[in-house]
Amino acid sequence: MIPNQTVPSTFFGLKDFFNNLTDSANVFPAAYVYQAEKGYTLEVELPGVKKEAVSIEVDRNILTIKGTRKRGEAETNYERSFRVNEEIDIESVTAVMEDGVLSLSLSKKKEAEAKKIVIQ
């Protein structure tokens, strides 16, 4: 039989986990990318985050999404970045927030769209 021992608070990373729950937590949100005919749809799960607490920016082909959820004293920070292909028209990106899911429409540049060639 093994005698009872006190498990250190850092065992399995529990100390960090519980500290984040009481202070502020940083969360890597789930994301899904769907290819469409003229571009892509990117969906990011941000449960409990109000659209006013979300920021989206593109810098040097890196799309970064940040959001903050506050419940009483606890604060949860969501952040996720994506490399944006050069075929995407950054100026035409649109975003909609509904039921804790941020949906971005990323259209391809006109010259990046495939062209069908008709055989005569």
N, C-alpha and C. Protein backbone atom coordinates (compact mmCIF):
# COMPACT_ATOMS: atom_id res chain seq x y z
N MET A 1 0.82 -1.18 0.00
CA MET A 1 0.00 0.00 0.00
C MET A 1 0.87 1.25 0.00
N ILE A 2 0.42 2.24 -0.74
CA ILE A 2 1.15 3.50 -0.82
C ILE A 2 0.58 4.43 0.23
N PRO A 3 1.45 5.03 1.05
CA PRO A 3 0.94 5.96 2.07
C PRO A 3 0.34 7.20 1.42
N ASN A 4 -0.61 7.81 2.11
CA ASN A 4 -1.22 9.04 1.61
C ASN A 4 -0.16 10.13 1.50
N GLN A 5 -0.15 10.77 0.37
CA GLN A 5 0.80 11.85 0.15
C GLN A 5 0.05 13.07 -0.38
N THR A 6 0.57 14.21 -0.04
CA THR A 6 0.00 15.43 -0.58
C THR A 6 0.55 15.61 -1.98
N VAL A 7 -0.33 15.82 -2.94
CA VAL A 7 0.09 16.02 -4.32
C VAL A 7 0.43 17.49 -4.48
N PRO A 8 1.61 17.80 -5.04
CA PRO A 8 1.96 19.21 -5.24
C PRO A 8 0.92 19.91 -6.10
N SER A 9 0.71 21.20 -5.83
CA SER A 9 -0.32 21.95 -6.55
C SER A 9 -0.01 22.08 -8.03
N THR A 10 1.24 21.85 -8.42
CA THR A 10 1.58 21.94 -9.84
C THR A 10 1.40 20.60 -10.55
N PHE A 11 1.01 19.57 -9.85
CA PHE A 11 0.80 18.25 -10.45
C PHE A 11 -0.31 18.34 -11.50
N PHE A 12 -0.05 17.86 -12.69
CA PHE A 12 -0.98 17.95 -13.82
C PHE A 12 -1.32 19.39 -14.19
N GLY A 13 -0.52 20.34 -13.77
CA GLY A 13 -0.78 21.73 -14.11
C GLY A 13 -1.99 22.33 -13.43
N LEU A 14 -2.44 21.73 -12.33
CA LEU A 14 -3.65 22.21 -11.66
C LEU A 14 -3.49 23.61 -11.08
N LYS A 15 -2.28 23.92 -10.62
CA LYS A 15 -2.08 25.24 -10.05
C LYS A 15 -2.37 26.31 -11.10
N ASP A 16 -1.81 26.17 -12.29
CA ASP A 16 -2.05 27.14 -13.35
C ASP A 16 -3.52 27.17 -13.73
N PHE A 17 -4.14 25.99 -13.82
CA PHE A 17 -5.55 25.91 -14.21
C PHE A 17 -6.42 26.66 -13.22
N PHE A 18 -6.25 26.41 -11.94
CA PHE A 18 -7.10 27.06 -10.95
C PHE A 18 -6.78 28.54 -10.80
N ASN A 19 -5.52 28.93 -10.96
CA ASN A 19 -5.19 30.36 -10.93
C ASN A 19 -5.90 31.09 -12.07
N ASN A 20 -5.93 30.46 -13.25
CA ASN A 20 -6.58 31.10 -14.38
C ASN A 20 -8.08 31.22 -14.16
N LEU A 21 -8.68 30.27 -13.48
CA LEU A 21 -10.11 30.34 -13.23
C LEU A 21 -10.47 31.48 -12.30
N THR A 22 -9.59 31.78 -11.36
CA THR A 22 -9.92 32.82 -10.39
C THR A 22 -9.49 34.20 -10.85
N ASP A 23 -8.44 34.30 -11.63
CA ASP A 23 -7.98 35.61 -12.08
C ASP A 23 -8.51 35.89 -13.47
N SER A 24 -7.72 35.54 -14.46
CA SER A 24 -8.17 35.68 -15.84
C SER A 24 -7.67 34.47 -16.61
N ALA A 25 -8.48 34.00 -17.52
CA ALA A 25 -8.13 32.83 -18.30
C ALA A 25 -7.92 33.25 -19.75
N ASN A 26 -6.94 32.64 -20.40
CA ASN A 26 -6.71 32.85 -21.82
C ASN A 26 -7.13 31.58 -22.53
N VAL A 27 -8.03 31.72 -23.49
CA VAL A 27 -8.61 30.57 -24.16
C VAL A 27 -8.32 30.65 -25.65
N PHE A 28 -7.94 29.51 -26.23
CA PHE A 28 -7.72 29.35 -27.65
C PHE A 28 -9.03 28.82 -28.22
N PRO A 29 -9.87 29.69 -28.80
CA PRO A 29 -11.22 29.26 -29.20
C PRO A 29 -11.22 28.31 -30.40
N ALA A 30 -12.24 27.46 -30.44
CA ALA A 30 -12.42 26.55 -31.56
C ALA A 30 -12.76 27.36 -32.81
N ALA A 31 -12.24 26.91 -33.95
CA ALA A 31 -12.50 27.60 -35.21
C ALA A 31 -12.70 26.58 -36.32
N TYR A 32 -13.53 26.96 -37.28
CA TYR A 32 -13.85 26.09 -38.41
C TYR A 32 -13.77 26.91 -39.69
N VAL A 33 -13.16 26.33 -40.72
CA VAL A 33 -13.03 27.01 -42.01
C VAL A 33 -13.76 26.19 -43.05
N TYR A 34 -14.62 26.87 -43.81
CA TYR A 34 -15.39 26.23 -44.87
C TYR A 34 -15.06 26.91 -46.18
N GLN A 35 -14.79 26.11 -47.20
CA GLN A 35 -14.51 26.68 -48.51
C GLN A 35 -15.81 26.87 -49.27
N ALA A 36 -15.94 28.03 -49.86
CA ALA A 36 -17.10 28.35 -50.68
C ALA A 36 -16.61 28.59 -52.11
N GLU A 37 -17.54 28.78 -53.02
CA GLU A 37 -17.17 28.96 -54.42
C GLU A 37 -16.29 30.19 -54.62
N LYS A 38 -16.63 31.28 -53.93
CA LYS A 38 -15.91 32.54 -54.16
C LYS A 38 -15.07 32.97 -52.96
N GLY A 39 -14.76 32.04 -52.06
CA GLY A 39 -13.94 32.39 -50.91
C GLY A 39 -14.06 31.37 -49.80
N TYR A 40 -14.05 31.87 -48.57
CA TYR A 40 -14.07 31.01 -47.40
C TYR A 40 -14.97 31.62 -46.33
N THR A 41 -15.46 30.76 -45.46
CA THR A 41 -16.17 31.19 -44.27
C THR A 41 -15.38 30.70 -43.07
N LEU A 42 -15.11 31.59 -42.14
CA LEU A 42 -14.39 31.26 -40.92
C LEU A 42 -15.33 31.46 -39.75
N GLU A 43 -15.55 30.42 -38.95
CA GLU A 43 -16.39 30.53 -37.77
C GLU A 43 -15.54 30.29 -36.53
N VAL A 44 -15.67 31.18 -35.56
CA VAL A 44 -14.91 31.09 -34.31
C VAL A 44 -15.89 31.11 -33.15
N GLU A 45 -15.76 30.15 -32.25
CA GLU A 45 -16.65 30.06 -31.09
C GLU A 45 -16.16 30.97 -29.97
N LEU A 46 -17.01 31.92 -29.58
CA LEU A 46 -16.71 32.86 -28.51
C LEU A 46 -17.90 32.90 -27.55
N PRO A 47 -18.12 31.83 -26.80
CA PRO A 47 -19.31 31.77 -25.94
C PRO A 47 -19.31 32.85 -24.86
N GLY A 48 -20.46 33.51 -24.76
CA GLY A 48 -20.63 34.53 -23.73
C GLY A 48 -19.98 35.86 -24.02
N VAL A 49 -19.34 36.00 -25.19
CA VAL A 49 -18.68 37.25 -25.54
C VAL A 49 -19.65 38.12 -26.33
N LYS A 50 -19.78 39.38 -25.90
CA LYS A 50 -20.63 40.32 -26.62
C LYS A 50 -19.86 40.86 -27.82
N LYS A 51 -20.58 41.19 -28.89
CA LYS A 51 -19.89 41.64 -30.10
C LYS A 51 -19.08 42.92 -29.87
N GLU A 52 -19.49 43.74 -28.89
CA GLU A 52 -18.74 44.95 -28.56
C GLU A 52 -17.38 44.63 -27.95
N ALA A 53 -17.22 43.40 -27.43
CA ALA A 53 -15.97 43.00 -26.78
C ALA A 53 -15.07 42.19 -27.71
N VAL A 54 -15.38 42.21 -29.02
CA VAL A 54 -14.59 41.46 -30.00
C VAL A 54 -13.85 42.45 -30.89
N SER A 55 -12.58 42.15 -31.17
CA SER A 55 -11.83 42.95 -32.13
C SER A 55 -11.24 42.01 -33.18
N ILE A 56 -11.24 42.50 -34.41
CA ILE A 56 -10.70 41.74 -35.54
C ILE A 56 -9.76 42.67 -36.29
N GLU A 57 -8.54 42.20 -36.54
CA GLU A 57 -7.62 43.03 -37.31
C GLU A 57 -6.74 42.16 -38.19
N VAL A 58 -6.28 42.75 -39.28
CA VAL A 58 -5.37 42.08 -40.20
C VAL A 58 -4.11 42.91 -40.28
N ASP A 59 -2.97 42.27 -40.05
CA ASP A 59 -1.68 42.93 -40.13
C ASP A 59 -0.70 41.97 -40.80
N ARG A 60 -0.20 42.38 -41.95
CA ARG A 60 0.77 41.56 -42.69
C ARG A 60 0.27 40.14 -42.94
N ASN A 61 -0.93 40.05 -43.45
CA ASN A 61 -1.58 38.78 -43.78
C ASN A 61 -1.85 37.87 -42.58
N ILE A 62 -1.87 38.44 -41.37
CA ILE A 62 -2.25 37.68 -40.18
C ILE A 62 -3.56 38.28 -39.66
N LEU A 63 -4.61 37.45 -39.66
CA LEU A 63 -5.92 37.86 -39.15
C LEU A 63 -5.98 37.45 -37.68
N THR A 64 -6.20 38.42 -36.80
CA THR A 64 -6.25 38.15 -35.36
C THR A 64 -7.61 38.52 -34.81
N ILE A 65 -8.19 37.57 -34.07
CA ILE A 65 -9.48 37.77 -33.44
C ILE A 65 -9.28 37.71 -31.93
N LYS A 66 -9.78 38.74 -31.24
CA LYS A 66 -9.68 38.79 -29.78
C LYS A 66 -11.06 39.09 -29.22
N GLY A 67 -11.35 38.48 -28.09
CA GLY A 67 -12.61 38.74 -27.41
C GLY A 67 -12.45 38.58 -25.91
N THR A 68 -13.26 39.30 -25.16
CA THR A 68 -13.19 39.24 -23.70
C THR A 68 -14.58 39.02 -23.14
N ARG A 69 -14.68 38.06 -22.22
CA ARG A 69 -15.94 37.79 -21.51
C ARG A 69 -15.70 38.07 -20.04
N LYS A 70 -16.58 38.88 -19.44
CA LYS A 70 -16.45 39.19 -18.02
C LYS A 70 -17.67 38.65 -17.29
N ARG A 71 -17.41 37.96 -16.20
CA ARG A 71 -18.47 37.47 -15.31
C ARG A 71 -18.04 37.81 -13.89
N GLY A 72 -18.63 38.83 -13.35
CA GLY A 72 -18.22 39.27 -12.02
C GLY A 72 -16.78 39.72 -12.04
N GLU A 73 -15.97 39.12 -11.19
CA GLU A 73 -14.55 39.45 -11.11
C GLU A 73 -13.72 38.67 -12.13
N ALA A 74 -14.26 37.56 -12.64
CA ALA A 74 -13.51 36.70 -13.56
C ALA A 74 -13.56 37.26 -14.98
N GLU A 75 -12.46 37.12 -15.67
CA GLU A 75 -12.35 37.59 -17.05
C GLU A 75 -11.73 36.48 -17.89
N THR A 76 -12.33 36.21 -19.04
CA THR A 76 -11.79 35.22 -19.97
C THR A 76 -11.42 35.94 -21.25
N ASN A 77 -10.18 35.73 -21.69
CA ASN A 77 -9.69 36.36 -22.91
C ASN A 77 -9.54 35.30 -23.99
N TYR A 78 -10.20 35.51 -25.12
CA TYR A 78 -10.09 34.63 -26.27
C TYR A 78 -9.19 35.28 -27.30
N GLU A 79 -8.31 34.49 -27.91
CA GLU A 79 -7.47 35.03 -28.98
C GLU A 79 -7.07 33.91 -29.92
N ARG A 80 -7.18 34.21 -31.21
CA ARG A 80 -6.79 33.23 -32.23
C ARG A 80 -6.34 34.00 -33.47
N SER A 81 -5.25 33.53 -34.10
CA SER A 81 -4.72 34.17 -35.30
C SER A 81 -4.67 33.17 -36.45
N PHE A 82 -4.83 33.70 -37.66
CA PHE A 82 -4.83 32.88 -38.87
C PHE A 82 -4.00 33.57 -39.94
N ARG A 83 -3.24 32.81 -40.68
CA ARG A 83 -2.51 33.36 -41.82
C ARG A 83 -3.50 33.43 -42.98
N VAL A 84 -3.63 34.61 -43.57
CA VAL A 84 -4.58 34.83 -44.66
C VAL A 84 -3.83 34.73 -45.98
N ASN A 85 -4.32 33.87 -46.85
CA ASN A 85 -3.75 33.68 -48.16
C ASN A 85 -3.82 34.98 -48.96
N GLU A 86 -2.87 35.21 -49.82
CA GLU A 86 -2.84 36.45 -50.60
C GLU A 86 -3.96 36.55 -51.61
N GLU A 87 -4.67 35.44 -51.86
CA GLU A 87 -5.80 35.49 -52.79
C GLU A 87 -7.06 36.10 -52.16
N ILE A 88 -7.02 36.34 -50.84
CA ILE A 88 -8.18 36.90 -50.13
C ILE A 88 -8.18 38.42 -50.25
N ASP A 89 -9.34 38.98 -50.55
CA ASP A 89 -9.53 40.42 -50.62
C ASP A 89 -9.84 40.93 -49.21
N ILE A 90 -8.84 41.43 -48.53
CA ILE A 90 -8.97 41.88 -47.14
C ILE A 90 -10.01 42.99 -47.01
N GLU A 91 -10.13 43.84 -48.02
CA GLU A 91 -11.07 44.97 -47.97
C GLU A 91 -12.53 44.51 -47.97
N SER A 92 -12.81 43.29 -48.42
CA SER A 92 -14.20 42.84 -48.51
C SER A 92 -14.61 41.88 -47.39
N VAL A 93 -13.77 41.69 -46.39
CA VAL A 93 -14.09 40.79 -45.29
C VAL A 93 -15.27 41.36 -44.49
N THR A 94 -16.25 40.49 -44.21
CA THR A 94 -17.39 40.91 -43.40
C THR A 94 -17.50 39.97 -42.20
N ALA A 95 -18.07 40.47 -41.10
CA ALA A 95 -18.19 39.68 -39.88
C ALA A 95 -19.59 39.83 -39.29
N VAL A 96 -20.10 38.71 -38.75
CA VAL A 96 -21.40 38.68 -38.10
C VAL A 96 -21.23 37.87 -36.81
N MET A 97 -21.82 38.35 -35.71
CA MET A 97 -21.76 37.65 -34.43
C MET A 97 -23.16 37.25 -34.04
N GLU A 98 -23.36 35.93 -33.81
CA GLU A 98 -24.68 35.44 -33.43
C GLU A 98 -24.55 34.22 -32.54
N ASP A 99 -25.22 34.24 -31.40
CA ASP A 99 -25.24 33.12 -30.46
C ASP A 99 -23.84 32.62 -30.08
N GLY A 100 -22.91 33.55 -29.86
CA GLY A 100 -21.56 33.17 -29.43
C GLY A 100 -20.67 32.65 -30.52
N VAL A 101 -21.09 32.79 -31.78
CA VAL A 101 -20.27 32.35 -32.91
C VAL A 101 -20.01 33.54 -33.81
N LEU A 102 -18.72 33.82 -34.05
CA LEU A 102 -18.31 34.88 -34.95
C LEU A 102 -18.10 34.25 -36.33
N SER A 103 -18.79 34.76 -37.34
CA SER A 103 -18.66 34.25 -38.71
C SER A 103 -18.07 35.33 -39.59
N LEU A 104 -16.97 35.00 -40.25
CA LEU A 104 -16.33 35.93 -41.17
C LEU A 104 -16.43 35.37 -42.58
N SER A 105 -16.78 36.23 -43.53
CA SER A 105 -16.79 35.86 -44.94
C SER A 105 -15.54 36.45 -45.57
N LEU A 106 -14.72 35.59 -46.15
CA LEU A 106 -13.47 36.00 -46.76
C LEU A 106 -13.55 35.71 -48.26
N SER A 107 -13.74 36.76 -49.05
CA SER A 107 -13.88 36.60 -50.50
C SER A 107 -12.52 36.60 -51.18
N LYS A 108 -12.43 35.84 -52.27
CA LYS A 108 -11.21 35.84 -53.07
C LYS A 108 -11.18 37.10 -53.92
N LYS A 109 -9.97 37.55 -54.23
CA LYS A 109 -9.81 38.67 -55.15
C LYS A 109 -10.31 38.22 -56.52
N LYS A 110 -10.81 39.16 -57.28
CA LYS A 110 -11.38 38.83 -58.60
C LYS A 110 -10.38 38.07 -59.47
N GLU A 111 -9.13 38.48 -59.47
CA GLU A 111 -8.13 37.82 -60.32
C GLU A 111 -7.77 36.42 -59.81
N ALA A 112 -8.12 36.11 -58.54
CA ALA A 112 -7.80 34.81 -57.96
C ALA A 112 -8.87 33.76 -58.24
N GLU A 113 -10.03 34.21 -58.71
CA GLU A 113 -11.12 33.27 -58.99
C GLU A 113 -10.79 32.45 -60.24
N ALA A 114 -11.18 31.20 -60.19
CA ALA A 114 -10.96 30.32 -61.33
C ALA A 114 -11.85 30.74 -62.50
N LYS A 115 -11.34 30.59 -63.69
CA LYS A 115 -12.11 30.91 -64.89
C LYS A 115 -12.37 29.65 -65.67
N LYS A 116 -13.57 29.51 -66.17
CA LYS A 116 -13.91 28.38 -67.01
C LYS A 116 -13.62 28.76 -68.46
N ILE A 117 -13.02 27.86 -69.15
CA ILE A 117 -12.72 28.08 -70.56
C ILE A 117 -13.61 27.18 -71.38
N VAL A 118 -14.33 27.80 -72.29
CA VAL A 118 -15.27 27.06 -73.14
C VAL A 118 -14.52 26.58 -74.38
N ILE A 119 -14.67 25.32 -74.70
CA ILE A 119 -14.07 24.76 -75.91
C ILE A 119 -14.97 25.08 -77.10
N GLN A 120 -14.39 25.67 -78.14
CA GLN A 120 -15.19 26.05 -79.30
C GLN A 120 -15.06 25.03 -80.42
